[in-house]
Amino acid sequence: MNDDASIRALNAVLAAEDGLMQGRLERRDFLRVAAMAGIASTTAVSRAAFAQAARENQLQLGAALQKQYDYIVCGAGSSGSVVARRLAENPAVKVLLLEAGGSDQVPSVTNPGVWFTNLGSERDWGFKGAPNPKINNREIPLSMGKVLGGGSSINVMIWSRGHKNDWDYFASESGDPRWSYENVLGIYRRIEDYQGPADAHRRGKGGLVYVGETPNPSPIAPAMLASCKGVGIPTFPDQNAILMEGVGGAAIPNVRYKPGERLNVFSTYVRPILDRPNITVLTQATIRKLTTKGTRVTGVEFTHGGKLMTIGATREVILSTGAINTPKILMQSGIGEAAQLRKFGIPVVADLPGVGKNFQDHVMIAGCVWEYKEPIAPRNNAAEATFFWKSDSKLDTPDLQPFQIEIPYVSEVTGKQYNPPAGSWSLSPAVVRPKSRGEITITGADPSSPVNIAANTFAEPDDMTAMLRCIELCREIGNTGPLAAFNKREVMPGKITGADLQDFARNAAVTYWHQSCTAKMGRDNMSVVDGQLRVHGIQGLRIADASIMPRVTTGNTMAGCVIIGEQAASAITA
């Protein structure tokens, strides 16, 4: 069986397994599909037995929802899935996990080669930033996962741990040494099952989280690394080891997939325990607000199956709904800036002016594009090489992270301006330590009212300065060294400078979809949670998602969100 056929067979098995778990498929049909895919009969029977047990268990639990649970976890994404699993490891507690989206076992999610088809689909919340004059009044899509697994089900699957200085900054801001790099490194060692070269200090083996090296990358990926080396950027065999402790470098990224199979966080942490009697997973459950008594959170109000429901939490509610929905839910529940809440007639439970403030995201340019001499089909996730570097040598942490993308990557504006041919590739400049700060605000007292997202991209001139330097650096890398041998011509932006280059950046600006920092951890008057992720002034509520970051981590945020989930669970169960 060739690679494409193997991938199709694997996805057929995954779809059949989900069909069995959802009651759409009979056991014998699953076994037939598994046999056709070459899966051993004993393995197939075992998988079928688990799927049926999980289905029956979740059907029974969902049909007999309790009025109260010990813990309610809101959101089954990269943090919430971790929290739910760790809490449910104690058989004496009952956990309810609520997810607004549906199943993750669909081909667009399980097949890593088509991840981008989820963007703008029913598995995407479909958020957009407000029109911004700094990007020529464009509205940038801000995709976020609305599906089991959250962002880990629709993202590009990069496992990027964050820089040493990020975690030490978290520890400094919170006053809690548990967030220090050395402590977080210990968590990574414990949870990882790393498939690359052994590194006893920095990498783990045998944990829940399979982390692989990009398999059989396109020849253009190592060529990019060689071209980076030619302009003075060192190369490393591991993106997440020494590279993320120093000034930066280039590498083939770590990824969260096996050939043909995405490994999202829900499937890693929660799916294997769906047969346990103490965890109930409810999909299509959209959180409206938290219920409170005084300054204590008592439960959650949500919609499910067209019905408005309220369920209580005897111990805690954990809000893991992401950097846009989390502040929205807090504000709809009376937790936020008092003046804004009163504007909409929402009773103030806690005056926390930092809720919704400090919005950060990694800004990307779509993109610097070259036409291939001979087109090369994309491989794996089509993003197989990256580098971290400083726009200014005085910085303590790399602030640039371009990605090589094996297709022409353009915005809605630059695509029309330059019309790159299909046989093109991109090197997309990006600023991952932005100084610009945005804000999330609500538009009414009704929880169904839309949220306003002022991303404020390029609000700080230093971000534009850094981006222009990154564009120039990417053009130099793409036009020289081994990469040049792949190129017929540079399609965009070409040799433009000054105001023209700035205008290109404004028209080409998009995002890495790493929205974060809107309920930041800290000790100042704009912080929302403490080092144990408890909401200031509120009992019975923690936040565990990217919103708690004091600043966005350097690099893709999925791995950092898993750490946040582990830290939250550890604090709860200590």
Protein backbone atom coordinates (compact mmCIF):
# COMPACT_ATOMS: atom_id res chain seq x y z
CA MET A 1 0.00 0.00 0.00
CA ASN A 2 1.46 3.41 -1.03
CA ASP A 3 1.59 6.38 1.35
CA ASP A 4 -1.55 8.05 0.00
CA ALA A 5 -3.49 4.79 0.18
CA SER A 6 -2.25 4.19 3.73
CA ILE A 7 -3.42 7.62 4.81
CA ARG A 8 -6.82 7.08 3.20
CA ALA A 9 -7.13 3.72 4.92
CA LEU A 10 -6.12 5.18 8.29
CA ASN A 11 -8.64 7.99 7.99
CA ALA A 12 -11.32 5.48 7.00
CA VAL A 13 -10.59 3.55 10.20
CA LEU A 14 -10.70 6.69 12.34
CA ALA A 15 -13.99 7.75 10.75
CA ALA A 16 -15.43 4.25 11.24
CA GLU A 17 -14.27 4.22 14.85
CA ASP A 18 -16.04 7.53 15.45
CA GLY A 19 -19.09 6.18 13.65
CA LEU A 20 -19.11 3.23 16.02
CA MET A 21 -18.71 5.55 19.01
CA GLN A 22 -21.50 7.82 17.74
CA GLY A 23 -23.85 4.96 16.91
CA ARG A 24 -23.80 5.54 13.15
CA LEU A 25 -21.99 2.29 12.38
CA GLU A 26 -22.32 -1.33 13.44
CA ARG A 27 -19.45 -3.25 15.05
CA ARG A 28 -19.15 -5.63 12.11
CA ASP A 29 -18.80 -2.69 9.70
CA PHE A 30 -15.98 -1.22 11.76
CA LEU A 31 -14.17 -4.56 11.83
CA ARG A 32 -14.53 -4.83 8.05
CA VAL A 33 -13.00 -1.36 7.51
CA ALA A 34 -10.20 -2.16 9.96
CA ALA A 35 -9.43 -5.44 8.17
CA MET A 36 -9.27 -3.65 4.81
CA ALA A 37 -6.78 -1.21 6.35
CA GLY A 38 -4.56 -4.08 7.47
CA ILE A 39 -5.18 -3.70 11.21
CA ALA A 40 -4.65 -6.92 13.17
CA SER A 41 -7.90 -8.55 14.21
CA THR A 42 -7.04 -8.55 17.92
CA THR A 43 -6.28 -4.82 17.77
CA ALA A 44 -9.46 -4.11 15.82
CA VAL A 45 -11.59 -6.08 18.27
CA SER A 46 -10.01 -4.23 21.20
CA ARG A 47 -10.64 -0.84 19.58
CA ALA A 48 -14.22 -1.80 18.78
CA ALA A 49 -14.81 -2.92 22.36
CA PHE A 50 -13.48 0.35 23.76
CA ALA A 51 -15.48 2.45 21.29
CA GLN A 52 -18.68 0.65 22.21
CA ALA A 53 -17.96 0.89 25.94
CA ALA A 54 -17.18 4.59 25.63
CA ARG A 55 -20.34 5.19 23.62
CA GLU A 56 -22.60 3.37 26.02
CA ASN A 57 -20.98 5.07 28.99
CA GLN A 58 -21.27 8.58 27.56
CA LEU A 59 -24.85 7.96 26.41
CA GLN A 60 -25.84 6.89 29.91
CA LEU A 61 -24.00 9.79 31.54
CA GLY A 62 -25.40 12.33 29.08
CA ALA A 63 -28.97 11.04 29.50
CA ALA A 64 -28.74 11.35 33.27
CA LEU A 65 -27.03 14.70 33.74
CA GLN A 66 -26.64 15.54 37.37
CA LYS A 67 -27.65 18.80 38.98
CA GLN A 68 -24.14 19.15 40.35
CA TYR A 69 -20.63 17.91 39.62
CA ASP A 70 -17.48 18.33 41.63
CA TYR A 71 -15.81 20.13 38.73
CA ILE A 72 -17.11 21.65 35.53
CA VAL A 73 -14.49 22.25 32.83
CA CYS A 74 -15.67 24.66 30.15
CA GLY A 75 -13.93 24.00 26.83
CA ALA A 76 -12.29 20.80 25.54
CA GLY A 77 -9.30 22.47 23.90
CA SER A 78 -5.56 22.29 24.51
CA SER A 79 -5.85 23.29 28.18
CA GLY A 80 -9.35 22.14 29.13
CA SER A 81 -8.77 18.58 27.90
CA VAL A 82 -5.69 18.34 30.11
CA VAL A 83 -7.51 19.64 33.19
CA ALA A 84 -10.46 17.28 32.66
CA ARG A 85 -8.18 14.25 32.31
CA ARG A 86 -6.09 15.04 35.37
CA LEU A 87 -9.13 15.71 37.56
CA ALA A 88 -10.87 12.54 36.37
CA GLU A 89 -7.82 10.46 37.33
CA ASN A 90 -9.26 10.65 40.85
CA PRO A 91 -12.20 8.17 40.74
CA ALA A 92 -13.78 9.86 43.75
CA VAL A 93 -14.64 13.05 41.85
CA LYS A 94 -17.15 13.68 39.08
CA VAL A 95 -16.14 15.87 36.16
CA LEU A 96 -18.34 17.50 33.52
CA LEU A 97 -16.52 18.65 30.37
CA LEU A 98 -18.54 21.05 28.19
CA GLU A 99 -17.60 21.76 24.56
CA ALA A 100 -19.46 24.13 22.21
CA GLY A 101 -18.37 22.23 19.09
CA GLY A 102 -18.80 18.66 17.91
CA SER A 103 -16.72 15.59 17.17
CA ASP A 104 -13.04 15.82 16.21
CA GLN A 105 -13.14 12.50 14.35
CA VAL A 106 -13.73 13.91 10.87
CA PRO A 107 -11.29 13.67 7.93
CA SER A 108 -10.49 17.40 7.92
CA VAL A 109 -9.23 17.05 11.49
CA THR A 110 -7.70 13.58 11.54
CA ASN A 111 -5.84 14.02 8.22
CA PRO A 112 -2.98 16.49 8.92
CA GLY A 113 -2.53 17.28 5.25
CA VAL A 114 -5.84 19.15 4.98
CA TRP A 115 -5.83 21.04 8.30
CA PHE A 116 -6.49 24.38 6.58
CA THR A 117 -9.93 23.21 5.36
CA ASN A 118 -11.19 23.66 8.93
CA LEU A 119 -10.58 27.40 8.84
CA GLY A 120 -13.88 29.16 8.30
CA SER A 121 -15.81 25.89 8.72
CA GLU A 122 -18.27 24.86 11.45
CA ARG A 123 -15.20 23.89 13.52
CA ASP A 124 -14.06 27.52 13.63
CA TRP A 125 -15.66 30.22 15.82
CA GLY A 126 -15.24 32.57 12.86
CA PHE A 127 -14.03 35.58 14.83
CA LYS A 128 -12.67 38.63 13.03
CA GLY A 129 -10.74 41.58 14.33
CA ALA A 130 -12.40 44.99 14.07
CA PRO A 131 -11.41 47.19 11.09
CA ASN A 132 -7.98 48.59 11.84
CA PRO A 133 -6.48 51.67 10.13
CA LYS A 134 -2.97 50.31 10.79
CA ILE A 135 -3.72 47.48 8.36
CA ASN A 136 -5.61 49.63 5.86
CA ASN A 137 -8.95 49.07 7.61
CA ARG A 138 -8.91 45.33 7.00
CA GLU A 139 -10.64 42.78 9.24
CA ILE A 140 -8.27 39.91 9.98
CA PRO A 141 -9.86 36.47 10.56
CA LEU A 142 -9.02 35.17 14.03
CA SER A 143 -9.73 31.47 13.75
CA MET A 144 -10.28 29.50 16.97
CA GLY A 145 -11.26 25.86 17.30
CA LYS A 146 -14.93 25.05 17.98
CA VAL A 147 -14.57 21.28 18.19
CA LEU A 148 -13.30 18.64 20.60
CA GLY A 149 -9.61 19.44 20.85
CA GLY A 150 -10.17 23.16 20.21
CA GLY A 151 -7.24 24.79 18.45
CA SER A 152 -5.28 21.52 18.48
CA SER A 153 -7.90 20.12 16.06
CA ILE A 154 -7.59 22.87 13.44
CA ASN A 155 -4.03 24.18 13.83
CA VAL A 156 -0.85 23.33 11.94
CA MET A 157 0.21 20.85 14.69
CA ILE A 158 3.52 22.48 15.65
CA TRP A 159 4.82 21.61 19.14
CA SER A 160 6.70 24.72 20.27
CA ARG A 161 7.49 24.94 23.97
CA GLY A 162 8.15 28.66 24.31
CA HIS A 163 11.45 30.33 25.11
CA LYS A 164 13.21 29.99 28.47
CA ASN A 165 12.69 33.71 29.06
CA ASP A 166 8.93 33.39 28.52
CA TRP A 167 8.52 30.96 31.42
CA ASP A 168 10.88 32.86 33.71
CA TYR A 169 8.81 35.97 32.95
CA PHE A 170 5.63 34.08 33.91
CA ALA A 171 7.28 33.14 37.23
CA SER A 172 8.34 36.73 37.84
CA GLU A 173 4.91 38.18 37.04
CA SER A 174 3.04 35.65 39.18
CA GLY A 175 5.55 35.46 42.02
CA ASP A 176 5.22 31.67 41.72
CA PRO A 177 8.39 29.64 40.95
CA ARG A 178 6.25 26.79 39.59
CA TRP A 179 6.13 28.77 36.33
CA SER A 180 9.91 29.02 35.98
CA TYR A 181 11.58 27.47 32.96
CA GLU A 182 13.33 24.78 34.98
CA ASN A 183 10.08 23.69 36.62
CA VAL A 184 8.12 23.81 33.37
CA LEU A 185 10.91 21.85 31.70
CA GLY A 186 10.29 19.12 34.28
CA ILE A 187 6.61 19.01 33.26
CA TYR A 188 7.55 18.70 29.60
CA ARG A 189 9.91 15.82 30.42
CA ARG A 190 7.11 14.08 32.33
CA ILE A 191 4.36 14.40 29.71
CA GLU A 192 6.29 14.00 26.44
CA ASP A 193 6.94 10.88 24.44
CA TYR A 194 9.59 12.44 22.21
CA GLN A 195 10.59 10.50 19.11
CA GLY A 196 13.79 12.41 18.34
CA PRO A 197 17.36 12.18 19.65
CA ALA A 198 17.71 11.53 23.37
CA ASP A 199 18.28 14.56 25.59
CA ALA A 200 17.82 13.55 29.21
CA HIS A 201 17.71 17.12 30.50
CA ARG A 202 15.36 18.65 27.94
CA ARG A 203 13.22 15.86 26.44
CA GLY A 204 10.91 13.22 27.88
CA LYS A 205 10.13 9.68 26.80
CA GLY A 206 7.11 7.52 27.56
CA GLY A 207 4.62 10.27 28.50
CA LEU A 208 1.11 10.82 27.15
CA VAL A 209 2.08 13.38 24.53
CA TYR A 210 3.59 11.91 21.37
CA VAL A 211 5.92 14.50 19.82
CA GLY A 212 7.59 13.62 16.56
CA GLU A 213 10.09 15.05 14.14
CA THR A 214 8.64 16.13 10.81
CA PRO A 215 8.77 12.92 8.72
CA ASN A 216 10.45 13.00 5.30
CA PRO A 217 10.26 16.78 4.80
CA SER A 218 10.21 18.36 1.38
CA PRO A 219 13.70 19.08 -0.01
CA ILE A 220 12.91 22.79 0.21
CA ALA A 221 12.82 22.59 4.04
CA PRO A 222 16.48 21.60 4.64
CA ALA A 223 17.40 24.02 1.85
CA MET A 224 15.86 26.81 3.92
CA LEU A 225 17.91 25.80 6.94
CA ALA A 226 21.06 25.88 4.84
CA SER A 227 20.15 29.33 3.49
CA CYS A 228 19.53 30.55 7.05
CA LYS A 229 22.99 29.35 8.00
CA GLY A 230 24.39 31.30 5.06
CA VAL A 231 23.07 34.59 6.50
CA GLY A 232 24.36 33.88 10.01
CA ILE A 233 21.39 32.10 11.61
CA PRO A 234 22.60 28.85 13.23
CA THR A 235 20.72 25.60 12.68
CA PHE A 236 19.69 23.06 15.31
CA PRO A 237 18.52 19.44 15.18
CA ASP A 238 15.74 20.11 17.73
CA GLN A 239 13.44 23.13 17.78
CA ASN A 240 12.67 22.69 21.47
CA ALA A 241 16.05 22.11 23.09
CA ILE A 242 19.03 24.48 23.23
CA LEU A 243 17.55 26.62 20.47
CA MET A 244 14.84 27.93 22.81
CA GLU A 245 17.29 28.87 25.52
CA GLY A 246 19.44 31.28 23.51
CA VAL A 247 19.42 33.91 20.76
CA GLY A 248 17.52 31.76 18.27
CA GLY A 249 18.17 29.59 15.26
CA ALA A 250 16.56 27.53 12.51
CA ALA A 251 15.14 24.01 12.68
CA ILE A 252 12.69 21.51 11.27
CA PRO A 253 9.81 21.79 13.77
CA ASN A 254 8.49 19.21 16.20
CA VAL A 255 4.98 18.11 15.27
CA ARG A 256 1.96 16.45 16.83
CA TYR A 257 1.09 13.95 14.16
CA LYS A 258 2.07 10.57 12.85
CA PRO A 259 1.99 9.92 9.09
CA GLY A 260 -1.63 10.50 8.14
CA GLU A 261 -2.95 11.03 11.68
CA ARG A 262 -3.35 14.24 13.69
CA LEU A 263 -2.81 13.85 17.43
CA ASN A 264 -4.94 16.54 19.01
CA VAL A 265 -4.97 17.15 22.75
CA PHE A 266 -8.48 15.82 23.35
CA SER A 267 -7.64 12.51 21.69
CA THR A 268 -4.44 12.27 23.72
CA TYR A 269 -5.85 13.14 27.13
CA VAL A 270 -9.61 12.51 27.20
CA ARG A 271 -10.62 10.01 24.52
CA PRO A 272 -8.78 7.11 26.25
CA ILE A 273 -10.88 7.62 29.43
CA LEU A 274 -14.34 8.05 27.92
CA ASP A 275 -15.34 4.70 29.37
CA ARG A 276 -14.85 5.90 32.94
CA PRO A 277 -17.97 6.57 34.99
CA ASN A 278 -16.71 9.82 36.52
CA ILE A 279 -16.23 11.98 33.40
CA THR A 280 -19.10 13.22 31.26
CA VAL A 281 -18.30 14.92 27.95
CA LEU A 282 -21.10 17.03 26.50
CA THR A 283 -20.67 18.46 23.00
CA GLN A 284 -22.75 21.23 21.38
CA ALA A 285 -22.87 22.85 24.82
CA THR A 286 -22.35 26.61 24.52
CA ILE A 287 -21.51 28.49 27.71
CA ARG A 288 -23.60 31.61 28.28
CA LYS A 289 -22.40 32.70 31.69
CA LEU A 290 -21.29 31.57 35.12
CA THR A 291 -23.76 31.40 37.99
CA THR A 292 -22.71 33.10 41.20
CA LYS A 293 -23.68 33.55 44.83
CA GLY A 294 -21.96 36.61 46.19
CA THR A 295 -18.37 36.33 44.98
CA ARG A 296 -18.47 32.56 44.63
CA VAL A 297 -19.02 30.83 41.29
CA THR A 298 -21.61 28.10 41.80
CA GLY A 299 -22.02 26.67 38.31
CA VAL A 300 -22.56 27.26 34.62
CA GLU A 301 -25.47 28.33 32.44
CA PHE A 302 -25.31 26.90 28.91
CA THR A 303 -27.40 25.84 25.95
CA HIS A 304 -27.58 22.24 24.78
CA GLY A 305 -29.95 20.66 22.32
CA GLY A 306 -31.94 23.89 22.07
CA LYS A 307 -32.46 23.98 25.83
CA LEU A 308 -31.17 26.43 28.43
CA MET A 309 -29.52 24.49 31.25
CA THR A 310 -27.83 25.31 34.54
CA ILE A 311 -25.57 22.84 36.36
CA GLY A 312 -23.74 23.45 39.62
CA ALA A 313 -20.15 22.80 40.63
CA THR A 314 -19.57 21.85 44.27
CA ARG A 315 -15.83 22.50 44.10
CA GLU A 316 -14.75 24.57 41.10
CA VAL A 317 -15.50 25.74 37.60
CA ILE A 318 -12.51 25.84 35.27
CA LEU A 319 -12.89 28.24 32.34
CA SER A 320 -10.89 27.05 29.32
CA THR A 321 -12.72 28.70 26.46
CA GLY A 322 -9.87 30.68 24.90
CA ALA A 323 -8.64 34.25 24.85
CA ILE A 324 -11.78 35.63 23.20
CA ASN A 325 -14.58 33.62 24.77
CA THR A 326 -13.10 33.51 28.28
CA PRO A 327 -13.17 37.30 28.87
CA LYS A 328 -16.57 37.45 27.17
CA ILE A 329 -18.03 34.85 29.56
CA LEU A 330 -16.43 36.58 32.54
CA MET A 331 -17.95 39.92 31.59
CA GLN A 332 -21.36 38.41 30.85
CA SER A 333 -21.14 36.95 34.38
CA GLY A 334 -20.39 40.28 36.07
CA ILE A 335 -16.62 39.84 36.33
CA GLY A 336 -14.73 42.62 34.61
CA GLU A 337 -14.33 46.38 34.46
CA ALA A 338 -17.20 47.75 36.54
CA ALA A 339 -17.91 50.76 34.32
CA GLN A 340 -18.26 48.59 31.21
CA LEU A 341 -20.54 46.12 32.99
CA ARG A 342 -22.79 48.86 34.36
CA LYS A 343 -23.04 50.33 30.87
CA PHE A 344 -24.99 47.22 29.89
CA GLY A 345 -26.84 46.81 33.17
CA ILE A 346 -24.84 43.74 34.23
CA PRO A 347 -24.59 43.44 38.04
CA VAL A 348 -20.96 43.69 39.13
CA VAL A 349 -19.70 40.59 40.92
CA ALA A 350 -16.03 41.60 40.84
CA ASP A 351 -14.42 44.77 39.47
CA LEU A 352 -11.46 43.41 37.49
CA PRO A 353 -10.44 46.03 34.91
CA GLY A 354 -7.91 43.68 33.27
CA VAL A 355 -10.56 41.34 31.88
CA GLY A 356 -10.38 41.56 28.09
CA LYS A 357 -7.34 43.86 28.13
CA ASN A 358 -3.77 43.00 27.08
CA PHE A 359 -4.88 41.08 23.95
CA GLN A 360 -1.86 39.74 22.06
CA ASP A 361 -1.36 37.67 18.95
CA HIS A 362 1.51 36.65 16.69
CA VAL A 363 1.37 38.76 13.54
CA MET A 364 2.32 37.14 10.24
CA ILE A 365 2.80 38.34 6.69
CA ALA A 366 1.14 36.37 3.91
CA GLY A 367 3.81 36.26 2.63
CA CYS A 368 7.09 36.48 0.70
CA VAL A 369 6.40 34.21 -2.29
CA TRP A 370 8.58 32.57 -4.95
CA GLU A 371 7.57 30.56 -8.00
CA TYR A 372 9.17 27.12 -8.18
CA LYS A 373 11.35 26.22 -11.15
CA GLU A 374 9.80 22.78 -10.89
CA PRO A 375 6.71 22.59 -8.63
CA ILE A 376 7.00 20.38 -5.56
CA ALA A 377 3.85 19.04 -3.96
CA PRO A 378 3.41 20.02 -0.28
CA ARG A 379 4.26 17.36 2.29
CA ASN A 380 2.99 16.66 5.79
CA ASN A 381 1.38 19.89 7.10
CA ALA A 382 3.02 22.03 4.37
CA ALA A 383 4.94 23.99 7.06
CA GLU A 384 8.20 22.13 7.60
CA ALA A 385 10.88 24.71 8.44
CA THR A 386 11.08 27.74 10.71
CA PHE A 387 13.54 30.00 12.44
CA PHE A 388 13.61 32.23 15.51
CA TRP A 389 15.71 35.40 15.43
CA LYS A 390 16.01 38.88 16.86
CA SER A 391 15.06 42.01 14.96
CA ASP A 392 17.30 43.89 17.42
CA SER A 393 20.32 42.29 19.07
CA LYS A 394 19.51 44.12 22.31
CA LEU A 395 16.37 42.02 22.87
CA ASP A 396 16.52 39.27 25.50
CA THR A 397 14.37 36.89 23.44
CA PRO A 398 13.89 36.24 19.70
CA ASP A 399 10.98 38.30 18.41
CA LEU A 400 10.78 36.92 14.85
CA GLN A 401 9.50 33.50 13.75
CA PRO A 402 8.92 33.12 10.02
CA PHE A 403 7.61 29.83 8.64
CA GLN A 404 8.29 28.25 5.30
CA ILE A 405 4.94 27.33 3.73
CA GLU A 406 4.93 25.06 0.69
CA ILE A 407 2.07 26.81 -1.09
CA PRO A 408 1.55 30.45 -2.15
CA TYR A 409 0.33 32.13 1.05
CA VAL A 410 -1.45 35.42 0.40
CA SER A 411 -4.03 37.72 1.97
CA GLU A 412 -7.32 38.71 0.37
CA VAL A 413 -5.52 41.87 -0.85
CA THR A 414 -2.08 40.62 -1.91
CA GLY A 415 -3.55 37.61 -3.68
CA LYS A 416 -5.34 39.94 -6.10
CA GLN A 417 -2.38 42.30 -6.38
CA TYR A 418 0.28 39.69 -7.21
CA ASN A 419 -1.72 36.65 -8.42
CA PRO A 420 0.98 34.07 -7.62
CA PRO A 421 0.91 30.85 -9.65
CA ALA A 422 -0.19 27.64 -7.96
CA GLY A 423 3.36 26.23 -8.19
CA SER A 424 4.81 28.64 -5.64
CA TRP A 425 6.10 28.52 -2.08
CA SER A 426 6.22 31.11 0.72
CA LEU A 427 8.42 32.27 3.53
CA SER A 428 6.09 34.16 5.82
CA PRO A 429 7.64 36.80 8.09
CA ALA A 430 6.20 37.01 11.60
CA VAL A 431 6.58 39.02 14.82
CA VAL A 432 6.08 36.83 17.89
CA ARG A 433 6.93 39.33 20.64
CA PRO A 434 4.53 42.14 19.68
CA LYS A 435 4.39 45.34 21.69
CA SER A 436 0.89 46.19 20.44
CA ARG A 437 -1.99 45.44 22.78
CA GLY A 438 -5.64 44.96 21.92
CA GLU A 439 -8.90 44.56 23.82
CA ILE A 440 -11.96 42.30 23.93
CA THR A 441 -15.25 44.01 24.80
CA ILE A 442 -18.87 42.88 24.93
CA THR A 443 -21.62 44.63 23.00
CA GLY A 444 -24.63 43.90 25.21
CA ALA A 445 -25.98 42.18 28.30
CA ASP A 446 -27.37 39.23 26.35
CA PRO A 447 -24.74 36.43 26.23
CA SER A 448 -25.64 35.86 22.58
CA SER A 449 -24.51 39.40 21.70
CA PRO A 450 -21.36 39.43 19.56
CA VAL A 451 -18.00 40.28 21.00
CA ASN A 452 -15.85 43.14 19.68
CA ILE A 453 -12.19 42.35 19.07
CA ALA A 454 -9.85 45.30 18.71
CA ALA A 455 -6.65 43.42 17.85
CA ASN A 456 -4.75 46.70 17.28
CA THR A 457 -2.20 45.09 14.97
CA PHE A 458 0.78 47.44 14.36
CA ALA A 459 -0.55 49.94 16.90
CA GLU A 460 3.01 50.20 18.22
CA PRO A 461 5.47 51.48 15.57
CA ASP A 462 8.18 49.10 16.86
CA ASP A 463 6.11 46.15 15.62
CA MET A 464 6.12 47.54 12.09
CA THR A 465 9.87 48.19 12.33
CA ALA A 466 10.46 44.58 13.41
CA MET A 467 8.21 43.25 10.65
CA LEU A 468 9.97 45.23 7.93
CA ARG A 469 13.31 43.86 9.09
CA CYS A 470 11.82 40.38 9.03
CA ILE A 471 10.52 40.83 5.48
CA GLU A 472 13.97 41.96 4.35
CA LEU A 473 15.60 39.01 6.10
CA CYS A 474 13.15 36.52 4.56
CA ARG A 475 13.76 37.96 1.09
CA GLU A 476 17.51 37.62 1.59
CA ILE A 477 17.15 34.00 2.72
CA GLY A 478 14.75 33.12 -0.10
CA ASN A 479 16.88 34.69 -2.82
CA THR A 480 20.28 33.30 -1.78
CA GLY A 481 22.00 30.05 -0.93
CA PRO A 482 20.47 26.63 -1.64
CA LEU A 483 16.93 28.05 -1.72
CA ALA A 484 17.71 30.10 -4.81
CA ALA A 485 18.14 26.89 -6.79
CA PHE A 486 14.43 26.12 -6.36
CA ASN A 487 13.22 29.51 -7.59
CA LYS A 488 12.12 30.64 -11.02
CA ARG A 489 11.36 34.15 -9.73
CA GLU A 490 10.33 36.16 -6.68
CA VAL A 491 6.62 36.83 -6.98
CA MET A 492 6.10 39.14 -3.99
CA PRO A 493 6.86 41.61 -2.59
CA GLY A 494 9.92 42.24 -4.78
CA LYS A 495 12.35 45.13 -4.41
CA ILE A 496 10.16 47.71 -2.75
CA THR A 497 11.19 49.94 0.14
CA GLY A 498 9.96 52.69 2.44
CA ALA A 499 6.26 53.53 2.34
CA ASP A 500 5.61 50.91 -0.38
CA LEU A 501 7.00 48.13 1.81
CA GLN A 502 4.98 49.36 4.78
CA ASP A 503 1.84 49.36 2.67
CA PHE A 504 2.61 45.81 1.57
CA ALA A 505 2.94 44.77 5.22
CA ARG A 506 -0.40 46.38 6.10
CA ASN A 507 -2.13 44.61 3.20
CA ALA A 508 -0.44 41.27 3.86
CA ALA A 509 -0.79 41.16 7.67
CA VAL A 510 -2.59 38.10 8.99
CA THR A 511 -2.17 36.12 12.18
CA TYR A 512 -0.78 32.86 13.52
CA TRP A 513 -4.11 32.45 15.37
CA HIS A 514 -2.34 32.58 18.74
CA GLN A 515 -4.79 34.87 20.53
CA SER A 516 -3.83 35.21 24.17
CA CYS A 517 -3.28 37.28 27.34
CA THR A 518 -6.81 38.68 27.93
CA ALA A 519 -7.08 37.42 31.53
CA LYS A 520 -3.45 37.65 32.46
CA MET A 521 -1.72 36.08 35.40
CA GLY A 522 -0.03 38.47 37.77
CA ARG A 523 -0.08 40.64 40.86
CA ASP A 524 -0.80 44.13 39.50
CA ASN A 525 -4.22 45.80 39.27
CA MET A 526 -4.67 44.67 35.64
CA SER A 527 -4.09 40.99 36.36
CA VAL A 528 -7.04 38.59 36.47
CA VAL A 529 -5.62 35.38 37.96
CA ASP A 530 -2.91 34.52 40.46
CA GLY A 531 -0.09 32.00 40.06
CA GLN A 532 -2.49 29.14 40.80
CA LEU A 533 -4.88 30.47 38.14
CA ARG A 534 -7.55 31.48 40.67
CA VAL A 535 -9.53 34.55 39.61
CA HIS A 536 -8.76 37.49 41.92
CA GLY A 537 -11.60 38.20 44.34
CA ILE A 538 -13.64 35.16 43.23
CA GLN A 539 -14.01 31.76 44.84
CA GLY A 540 -14.61 28.52 42.99
CA LEU A 541 -13.25 29.71 39.63
CA ARG A 542 -9.99 29.19 37.77
CA ILE A 543 -8.96 29.99 34.24
CA ALA A 544 -6.82 27.61 32.22
CA ASP A 545 -6.16 28.68 28.64
CA ALA A 546 -3.97 31.09 26.67
CA SER A 547 -5.81 34.08 28.13
CA ILE A 548 -3.77 33.75 31.38
CA MET A 549 -0.43 34.36 29.66
CA PRO A 550 1.12 37.66 30.86
CA ARG A 551 2.70 37.84 27.41
CA VAL A 552 2.31 35.50 24.46
CA THR A 553 4.91 32.75 24.35
CA THR A 554 7.60 32.75 21.67
CA GLY A 555 6.37 30.30 19.05
CA ASN A 556 3.19 28.33 18.47
CA THR A 557 1.03 28.24 21.59
CA MET A 558 -0.41 24.68 21.73
CA ALA A 559 2.41 23.25 23.87
CA GLY A 560 2.21 26.22 26.24
CA CYS A 561 -1.54 25.68 26.62
CA VAL A 562 -0.94 22.04 27.56
CA ILE A 563 1.44 23.28 30.28
CA ILE A 564 -1.24 25.71 31.50
CA GLY A 565 -3.67 22.80 31.77
CA GLU A 566 -1.14 20.69 33.68
CA GLN A 567 -0.38 23.59 36.03
CA ALA A 568 -4.08 24.24 36.70
CA ALA A 569 -4.79 20.59 37.45
CA SER A 570 -1.76 20.37 39.71
CA ALA A 571 -2.88 23.44 41.66
CA ILE A 572 -6.41 22.09 42.05
CA THR A 573 -5.34 18.63 43.19
CA ALA A 574 -2.41 19.68 45.41
